[in-house]
Structure formats: C-alpha cells, structure tokens
Amino acid sequence: MKNHNRDLLVLYKSAGNAESLEQTLEGLHQMLRTVECADVFCNAHELVKRTRITRKYLAILTASESAVLKPFHFLINRN
C-alpha cells in the first residue's frame, strides 16, 4: 500500500482481509485526488470583490491561500 499523506476513517460491517482494505483505501485516494486539485476548486468557486465577480483562476487561488479573506471579499461556491 502506498503511504498517502491523509487521515481516513473507514468503517466496515464485517472483518475483511487486508487486500480488500488496501484496494478500498487506494480507490478512495484516487477519488479524493481528482476532487482536491486546484482546477476543480477554481471551477467550483467564484470570487466576489465589493462590486465585481471574477472567475479568474489566479485571483481565486490567491484569495483562498490566506486564512482570512480581505474585507468585502467572498468566495462563493457555484454548485
């Protein structure tokens, strides 16, 4: 099993073998890797600055890097 840098809690109803657990964890990692990339994040969000809305990739990434957004800046999920 590859060592991925994430914490996952997987609950099973029945005791399975180690091989099935590894396959399940690898499948979960592949699904999460496709969803957690910056392209998907920027496609799903838009940045609202006081009087304008932008969908620019760089502007969204720059705003999301800080822990606290600037006043009157909002990240809105478009989903």
PDB file of N, CA and C in Angstrom:
ATOM      1  N   MET A   1       0.845  -1.177   0.000  1.00  0.00           N
ATOM      2  CA  MET A   1       0.000   0.000   0.000  1.00  0.00           C
ATOM      3  C   MET A   1       0.889   1.238   0.000  1.00  0.00           C
ATOM      4  N   LYS A   2       0.566   2.205  -0.818  1.00  0.00           N
ATOM      5  CA  LYS A   2       1.311   3.458  -0.870  1.00  0.00           C
ATOM      6  C   LYS A   2       0.982   4.285   0.362  1.00  0.00           C
ATOM      7  N   ASN A   3       1.961   5.023   0.841  1.00  0.00           N
ATOM      8  CA  ASN A   3       1.752   5.881   2.008  1.00  0.00           C
ATOM      9  C   ASN A   3       1.312   7.263   1.540  1.00  0.00           C
ATOM     10  N   HIS A   4       0.025   7.554   1.669  1.00  0.00           N
ATOM     11  CA  HIS A   4      -0.519   8.851   1.269  1.00  0.00           C
ATOM     12  C   HIS A   4      -0.642   9.726   2.499  1.00  0.00           C
ATOM     13  N   ASN A   5      -0.466  10.999   2.326  1.00  0.00           N
ATOM     14  CA  ASN A   5      -0.486  11.934   3.436  1.00  0.00           C
ATOM     15  C   ASN A   5      -1.910  12.416   3.703  1.00  0.00           C
ATOM     16  N   ARG A   6      -2.741  11.552   4.266  1.00  0.00           N
ATOM     17  CA  ARG A   6      -4.095  11.930   4.642  1.00  0.00           C
ATOM     18  C   ARG A   6      -4.603  10.959   5.704  1.00  0.00           C
ATOM     19  N   ASP A   7      -5.517  11.424   6.501  1.00  0.00           N
ATOM     20  CA  ASP A   7      -6.125  10.599   7.540  1.00  0.00           C
ATOM     21  C   ASP A   7      -7.521  10.214   7.076  1.00  0.00           C
ATOM     22  N   LEU A   8      -7.778   8.921   7.017  1.00  0.00           N
ATOM     23  CA  LEU A   8      -9.088   8.420   6.619  1.00  0.00           C
ATOM     24  C   LEU A   8      -9.605   7.472   7.691  1.00  0.00           C
ATOM     25  N   LEU A   9     -10.879   7.551   7.966  1.00  0.00           N
ATOM     26  CA  LEU A   9     -11.535   6.618   8.867  1.00  0.00           C
ATOM     27  C   LEU A   9     -12.486   5.787   8.022  1.00  0.00           C
ATOM     28  N   VAL A  10     -12.213   4.484   7.935  1.00  0.00           N
ATOM     29  CA  VAL A  10     -13.020   3.580   7.122  1.00  0.00           C
ATOM     30  C   VAL A  10     -13.667   2.571   8.055  1.00  0.00           C
ATOM     31  N   LEU A  11     -14.990   2.500   8.032  1.00  0.00           N
ATOM     32  CA  LEU A  11     -15.721   1.576   8.888  1.00  0.00           C
ATOM     33  C   LEU A  11     -16.254   0.421   8.055  1.00  0.00           C
ATOM     34  N   TYR A  12     -16.067  -0.786   8.553  1.00  0.00           N
ATOM     35  CA  TYR A  12     -16.548  -1.993   7.896  1.00  0.00           C
ATOM     36  C   TYR A  12     -17.561  -2.693   8.776  1.00  0.00           C
ATOM     37  N   LYS A  13     -18.583  -3.274   8.167  1.00  0.00           N
ATOM     38  CA  LYS A  13     -19.530  -4.078   8.922  1.00  0.00           C
ATOM     39  C   LYS A  13     -18.939  -5.433   9.273  1.00  0.00           C
ATOM     40  N   SER A  14     -18.223  -6.008   8.338  1.00  0.00           N
ATOM     41  CA  SER A  14     -17.628  -7.322   8.581  1.00  0.00           C
ATOM     42  C   SER A  14     -16.115  -7.221   8.453  1.00  0.00           C
ATOM     43  N   ALA A  15     -15.455  -8.142   9.108  1.00  0.00           N
ATOM     44  CA  ALA A  15     -13.989  -8.163   9.040  1.00  0.00           C
ATOM     45  C   ALA A  15     -13.570  -8.679   7.667  1.00  0.00           C
ATOM     46  N   GLY A  16     -12.788  -7.886   6.954  1.00  0.00           N
ATOM     47  CA  GLY A  16     -12.314  -8.271   5.635  1.00  0.00           C
ATOM     48  C   GLY A  16     -10.820  -8.528   5.686  1.00  0.00           C
ATOM     49  N   ASN A  17     -10.309  -8.999   4.592  1.00  0.00           N
ATOM     50  CA  ASN A  17      -8.867  -9.231   4.561  1.00  0.00           C
ATOM     51  C   ASN A  17      -8.135  -7.928   4.271  1.00  0.00           C
ATOM     52  N   ALA A  18      -6.832  -7.938   4.458  1.00  0.00           N
ATOM     53  CA  ALA A  18      -6.027  -6.727   4.301  1.00  0.00           C
ATOM     54  C   ALA A  18      -5.994  -6.265   2.847  1.00  0.00           C
ATOM     55  N   GLU A  19      -6.106  -7.213   1.923  1.00  0.00           N
ATOM     56  CA  GLU A  19      -6.068  -6.869   0.498  1.00  0.00           C
ATOM     57  C   GLU A  19      -7.275  -6.008   0.100  1.00  0.00           C
ATOM     58  N   SER A  20      -8.453  -6.373   0.571  1.00  0.00           N
ATOM     59  CA  SER A  20      -9.651  -5.593   0.232  1.00  0.00           C
ATOM     60  C   SER A  20      -9.598  -4.210   0.874  1.00  0.00           C
ATOM     61  N   LEU A  21      -9.029  -4.123   2.081  1.00  0.00           N
ATOM     62  CA  LEU A  21      -8.879  -2.825   2.731  1.00  0.00           C
ATOM     63  C   LEU A  21      -7.938  -1.937   1.939  1.00  0.00           C
ATOM     64  N   GLU A  22      -6.837  -2.475   1.449  1.00  0.00           N
ATOM     65  CA  GLU A  22      -5.891  -1.699   0.646  1.00  0.00           C
ATOM     66  C   GLU A  22      -6.518  -1.225  -0.653  1.00  0.00           C
ATOM     67  N   GLN A  23      -7.319  -2.083  -1.295  1.00  0.00           N
ATOM     68  CA  GLN A  23      -7.992  -1.690  -2.532  1.00  0.00           C
ATOM     69  C   GLN A  23      -8.994  -0.570  -2.270  1.00  0.00           C
ATOM     70  N   THR A  24      -9.714  -0.662  -1.167  1.00  0.00           N
ATOM     71  CA  THR A  24     -10.683   0.365  -0.809  1.00  0.00           C
ATOM     72  C   THR A  24      -9.992   1.697  -0.543  1.00  0.00           C
ATOM     73  N   LEU A  25      -8.902   1.675   0.210  1.00  0.00           N
ATOM     74  CA  LEU A  25      -8.181   2.911   0.513  1.00  0.00           C
ATOM     75  C   LEU A  25      -7.565   3.526  -0.738  1.00  0.00           C
ATOM     76  N   GLU A  26      -7.041   2.693  -1.626  1.00  0.00           N
ATOM     77  CA  GLU A  26      -6.467   3.215  -2.870  1.00  0.00           C
ATOM     78  C   GLU A  26      -7.552   3.841  -3.748  1.00  0.00           C
ATOM     79  N   GLY A  27      -8.728   3.225  -3.816  1.00  0.00           N
ATOM     80  CA  GLY A  27      -9.846   3.794  -4.574  1.00  0.00           C
ATOM     81  C   GLY A  27     -10.309   5.119  -3.989  1.00  0.00           C
ATOM     82  N   LEU A  28     -10.381   5.202  -2.653  1.00  0.00           N
ATOM     83  CA  LEU A  28     -10.759   6.462  -2.008  1.00  0.00           C
ATOM     84  C   LEU A  28      -9.719   7.547  -2.283  1.00  0.00           C
ATOM     85  N   HIS A  29      -8.459   7.178  -2.236  1.00  0.00           N
ATOM     86  CA  HIS A  29      -7.402   8.157  -2.505  1.00  0.00           C
ATOM     87  C   HIS A  29      -7.493   8.688  -3.937  1.00  0.00           C
ATOM     88  N   GLN A  30      -7.752   7.822  -4.898  1.00  0.00           N
ATOM     89  CA  GLN A  30      -7.864   8.258  -6.291  1.00  0.00           C
ATOM     90  C   GLN A  30      -9.046   9.204  -6.479  1.00  0.00           C
ATOM     91  N   MET A  31     -10.171   8.900  -5.840  1.00  0.00           N
ATOM     92  CA  MET A  31     -11.335   9.780  -5.944  1.00  0.00           C
ATOM     93  C   MET A  31     -11.063  11.141  -5.319  1.00  0.00           C
ATOM     94  N   LEU A  32     -10.461  11.146  -4.142  1.00  0.00           N
ATOM     95  CA  LEU A  32     -10.188  12.410  -3.465  1.00  0.00           C
ATOM     96  C   LEU A  32      -9.126  13.228  -4.189  1.00  0.00           C
ATOM     97  N   ARG A  33      -8.151  12.560  -4.804  1.00  0.00           N
ATOM     98  CA  ARG A  33      -7.100  13.278  -5.526  1.00  0.00           C
ATOM     99  C   ARG A  33      -7.683  14.057  -6.701  1.00  0.00           C
ATOM    100  N   THR A  34      -8.662  13.499  -7.393  1.00  0.00           N
ATOM    101  CA  THR A  34      -9.261  14.206  -8.529  1.00  0.00           C
ATOM    102  C   THR A  34     -10.109  15.389  -8.078  1.00  0.00           C
ATOM    103  N   VAL A  35     -10.702  15.302  -6.902  1.00  0.00           N
ATOM    104  CA  VAL A  35     -11.576  16.359  -6.413  1.00  0.00           C
ATOM    105  C   VAL A  35     -10.792  17.483  -5.738  1.00  0.00           C
ATOM    106  N   GLU A  36      -9.649  17.160  -5.143  1.00  0.00           N
ATOM    107  CA  GLU A  36      -8.919  18.145  -4.353  1.00  0.00           C
ATOM    108  C   GLU A  36      -7.947  19.002  -5.160  1.00  0.00           C
ATOM    109  N   CYS A  37      -7.899  18.876  -6.450  1.00  0.00           N
ATOM    110  CA  CYS A  37      -6.930  19.662  -7.219  1.00  0.00           C
ATOM    111  C   CYS A  37      -7.426  21.109  -7.368  1.00  0.00           C
ATOM    112  N   ALA A  38      -6.501  22.010  -7.666  1.00  0.00           N
ATOM    113  CA  ALA A  38      -6.807  23.439  -7.740  1.00  0.00           C
ATOM    114  C   ALA A  38      -7.749  23.764  -8.899  1.00  0.00           C
ATOM    115  N   ASP A  39      -7.646  23.036 -10.010  1.00  0.00           N
ATOM    116  CA  ASP A  39      -8.517  23.300 -11.157  1.00  0.00           C
ATOM    117  C   ASP A  39      -9.985  23.102 -10.803  1.00  0.00           C
ATOM    118  N   VAL A  40     -10.273  22.019 -10.105  1.00  0.00           N
ATOM    119  CA  VAL A  40     -11.657  21.731  -9.719  1.00  0.00           C
ATOM    120  C   VAL A  40     -12.153  22.776  -8.722  1.00  0.00           C
ATOM    121  N   PHE A  41     -11.287  23.163  -7.789  1.00  0.00           N
ATOM    122  CA  PHE A  41     -11.664  24.186  -6.805  1.00  0.00           C
ATOM    123  C   PHE A  41     -12.011  25.503  -7.489  1.00  0.00           C
ATOM    124  N   CYS A  42     -11.172  25.916  -8.438  1.00  0.00           N
ATOM    125  CA  CYS A  42     -11.407  27.193  -9.129  1.00  0.00           C
ATOM    126  C   CYS A  42     -12.624  27.138 -10.051  1.00  0.00           C
ATOM    127  N   ASN A  43     -12.917  25.987 -10.612  1.00  0.00           N
ATOM    128  CA  ASN A  43     -14.122  25.858 -11.444  1.00  0.00           C
ATOM    129  C   ASN A  43     -15.393  25.885 -10.605  1.00  0.00           C
ATOM    130  N   ALA A  44     -15.295  25.481  -9.346  1.00  0.00           N
ATOM    131  CA  ALA A  44     -16.477  25.408  -8.497  1.00  0.00           C
ATOM    132  C   ALA A  44     -16.717  26.675  -7.692  1.00  0.00           C
ATOM    133  N   HIS A  45     -15.770  27.614  -7.694  1.00  0.00           N
ATOM    134  CA  HIS A  45     -15.906  28.833  -6.896  1.00  0.00           C
ATOM    135  C   HIS A  45     -15.757  30.083  -7.759  1.00  0.00           C
ATOM    136  N   GLU A  46     -16.284  31.162  -7.237  1.00  0.00           N
ATOM    137  CA  GLU A  46     -16.037  32.470  -7.830  1.00  0.00           C
ATOM    138  C   GLU A  46     -15.757  33.447  -6.698  1.00  0.00           C
ATOM    139  N   LEU A  47     -14.968  34.446  -7.008  1.00  0.00           N
ATOM    140  CA  LEU A  47     -14.555  35.437  -6.013  1.00  0.00           C
ATOM    141  C   LEU A  47     -15.367  36.708  -6.210  1.00  0.00           C
ATOM    142  N   VAL A  48     -16.016  37.139  -5.148  1.00  0.00           N
ATOM    143  CA  VAL A  48     -16.801  38.369  -5.187  1.00  0.00           C
ATOM    144  C   VAL A  48     -16.014  39.437  -4.444  1.00  0.00           C
ATOM    145  N   LYS A  49     -15.662  40.485  -5.166  1.00  0.00           N
ATOM    146  CA  LYS A  49     -14.995  41.652  -4.579  1.00  0.00           C
ATOM    147  C   LYS A  49     -15.995  42.789  -4.631  1.00  0.00           C
ATOM    148  N   ARG A  50     -16.212  43.424  -3.572  1.00  0.00           N
ATOM    149  CA  ARG A  50     -17.162  44.515  -3.377  1.00  0.00           C
ATOM    150  C   ARG A  50     -18.148  44.747  -4.516  1.00  0.00           C
ATOM    151  N   THR A  51     -17.701  45.105  -5.714  1.00  0.00           N
ATOM    152  CA  THR A  51     -18.632  45.444  -6.798  1.00  0.00           C
ATOM    153  C   THR A  51     -18.490  44.560  -8.025  1.00  0.00           C
ATOM    154  N   ARG A  52     -17.635  43.567  -7.994  1.00  0.00           N
ATOM    155  CA  ARG A  52     -17.472  42.725  -9.179  1.00  0.00           C
ATOM    156  C   ARG A  52     -17.273  41.267  -8.790  1.00  0.00           C
ATOM    157  N   ILE A  53     -17.593  40.415  -9.728  1.00  0.00           N
ATOM    158  CA  ILE A  53     -17.449  38.970  -9.557  1.00  0.00           C
ATOM    159  C   ILE A  53     -16.439  38.488 -10.581  1.00  0.00           C
ATOM    160  N   THR A  54     -15.489  37.663 -10.135  1.00  0.00           N
ATOM    161  CA  THR A  54     -14.482  37.147 -11.047  1.00  0.00           C
ATOM    162  C   THR A  54     -14.390  35.627 -10.926  1.00  0.00           C
ATOM    163  N   ARG A  55     -14.063  35.014 -12.031  1.00  0.00           N
ATOM    164  CA  ARG A  55     -13.830  33.569 -12.074  1.00  0.00           C
ATOM    165  C   ARG A  55     -12.394  33.276 -12.483  1.00  0.00           C
ATOM    166  N   LYS A  56     -11.520  34.276 -12.339  1.00  0.00           N
ATOM    167  CA  LYS A  56     -10.127  34.125 -12.737  1.00  0.00           C
ATOM    168  C   LYS A  56      -9.414  33.163 -11.791  1.00  0.00           C
ATOM    169  N   TYR A  57      -8.698  32.241 -12.403  1.00  0.00           N
ATOM    170  CA  TYR A  57      -8.003  31.173 -11.695  1.00  0.00           C
ATOM    171  C   TYR A  57      -7.045  31.734 -10.649  1.00  0.00           C
ATOM    172  N   LEU A  58      -6.186  32.644 -11.059  1.00  0.00           N
ATOM    173  CA  LEU A  58      -5.153  33.182 -10.179  1.00  0.00           C
ATOM    174  C   LEU A  58      -5.748  33.998  -9.036  1.00  0.00           C
ATOM    175  N   ALA A  59      -6.769  34.754  -9.296  1.00  0.00           N
ATOM    176  CA  ALA A  59      -7.404  35.564  -8.253  1.00  0.00           C
ATOM    177  C   ALA A  59      -8.047  34.688  -7.184  1.00  0.00           C
ATOM    178  N   ILE A  60      -8.686  33.601  -7.595  1.00  0.00           N
ATOM    179  CA  ILE A  60      -9.333  32.694  -6.648  1.00  0.00           C
ATOM    180  C   ILE A  60      -8.290  31.976  -5.803  1.00  0.00           C
ATOM    181  N   LEU A  61      -7.214  31.498  -6.434  1.00  0.00           N
ATOM    182  CA  LEU A  61      -6.168  30.815  -5.676  1.00  0.00           C
ATOM    183  C   LEU A  61      -5.482  31.750  -4.690  1.00  0.00           C
ATOM    184  N   THR A  62      -5.213  32.976  -5.106  1.00  0.00           N
ATOM    185  CA  THR A  62      -4.564  33.947  -4.228  1.00  0.00           C
ATOM    186  C   THR A  62      -5.448  34.260  -3.021  1.00  0.00           C
ATOM    187  N   ALA A  63      -6.727  34.430  -3.247  1.00  0.00           N
ATOM    188  CA  ALA A  63      -7.655  34.738  -2.148  1.00  0.00           C
ATOM    189  C   ALA A  63      -7.817  33.550  -1.205  1.00  0.00           C
ATOM    190  N   SER A  64      -7.796  32.331  -1.736  1.00  0.00           N
ATOM    191  CA  SER A  64      -8.017  31.155  -0.896  1.00  0.00           C
ATOM    192  C   SER A  64      -6.781  30.742  -0.109  1.00  0.00           C
ATOM    193  N   GLU A  65      -5.607  31.278  -0.460  1.00  0.00           N
ATOM    194  CA  GLU A  65      -4.387  30.916   0.270  1.00  0.00           C
ATOM    195  C   GLU A  65      -4.358  31.505   1.677  1.00  0.00           C
ATOM    196  N   SER A  66      -4.947  32.656   1.870  1.00  0.00           N
ATOM    197  CA  SER A  66      -4.922  33.266   3.197  1.00  0.00           C
ATOM    198  C   SER A  66      -6.033  32.670   4.073  1.00  0.00           C
ATOM    199  N   ALA A  67      -5.782  32.663   5.372  1.00  0.00           N
ATOM    200  CA  ALA A  67      -6.754  32.094   6.312  1.00  0.00           C
ATOM    201  C   ALA A  67      -7.999  32.968   6.430  1.00  0.00           C
ATOM    202  N   VAL A  68      -7.810  34.276   6.315  1.00  0.00           N
ATOM    203  CA  VAL A  68      -8.925  35.224   6.424  1.00  0.00           C
ATOM    204  C   VAL A  68      -8.948  36.077   5.158  1.00  0.00           C
ATOM    205  N   LEU A  69     -10.109  36.162   4.544  1.00  0.00           N
ATOM    206  CA  LEU A  69     -10.247  36.980   3.339  1.00  0.00           C
ATOM    207  C   LEU A  69     -10.244  38.464   3.694  1.00  0.00           C
ATOM    208  N   LYS A  70      -9.892  39.279   2.742  1.00  0.00           N
ATOM    209  CA  LYS A  70      -9.928  40.723   2.921  1.00  0.00           C
ATOM    210  C   LYS A  70     -11.372  41.162   3.120  1.00  0.00           C
ATOM    211  N   PRO A  71     -11.578  42.341   3.718  1.00  0.00           N
ATOM    212  CA  PRO A  71     -12.951  42.831   3.886  1.00  0.00           C
ATOM    213  C   PRO A  71     -13.661  42.974   2.540  1.00  0.00           C
ATOM    214  N   PHE A  72     -14.898  42.571   2.497  1.00  0.00           N
ATOM    215  CA  PHE A  72     -15.763  42.628   1.325  1.00  0.00           C
ATOM    216  C   PHE A  72     -15.292  41.726   0.178  1.00  0.00           C
ATOM    217  N   HIS A  73     -14.531  40.693   0.491  1.00  0.00           N
ATOM    218  CA  HIS A  73     -14.168  39.650  -0.479  1.00  0.00           C
ATOM    219  C   HIS A  73     -14.820  38.356  -0.006  1.00  0.00           C
ATOM    220  N   PHE A  74     -15.492  37.677  -0.919  1.00  0.00           N
ATOM    221  CA  PHE A  74     -16.210  36.463  -0.566  1.00  0.00           C
ATOM    222  C   PHE A  74     -15.923  35.389  -1.612  1.00  0.00           C
ATOM    223  N   LEU A  75     -15.682  34.160  -1.162  1.00  0.00           N
ATOM    224  CA  LEU A  75     -15.594  33.007  -2.041  1.00  0.00           C
ATOM    225  C   LEU A  75     -16.942  32.324  -2.032  1.00  0.00           C
ATOM    226  N   ILE A  76     -17.548  32.208  -3.190  1.00  0.00           N
ATOM    227  CA  ILE A  76     -18.877  31.619  -3.291  1.00  0.00           C
ATOM    228  C   ILE A  76     -18.787  30.343  -4.114  1.00  0.00           C
ATOM    229  N   ASN A  77     -19.375  29.277  -3.583  1.00  0.00           N
ATOM    230  CA  ASN A  77     -19.426  28.005  -4.287  1.00  0.00           C
ATOM    231  C   ASN A  77     -20.539  28.062  -5.312  1.00  0.00           C
ATOM    232  N   ARG A  78     -20.236  27.746  -6.562  1.00  0.00           N
ATOM    233  CA  ARG A  78     -21.232  27.835  -7.639  1.00  0.00           C
ATOM    234  C   ARG A  78     -22.073  26.564  -7.772  1.00  0.00           C
ATOM    235  N   ASN A  79     -21.746  25.541  -7.024  1.00  0.00           N
ATOM    236  CA  ASN A  79     -22.509  24.288  -7.153  1.00  0.00           C
ATOM    237  C   ASN A  79     -23.830  24.428  -6.506  1.00  0.00           C
TER     238      ASN A  79
END
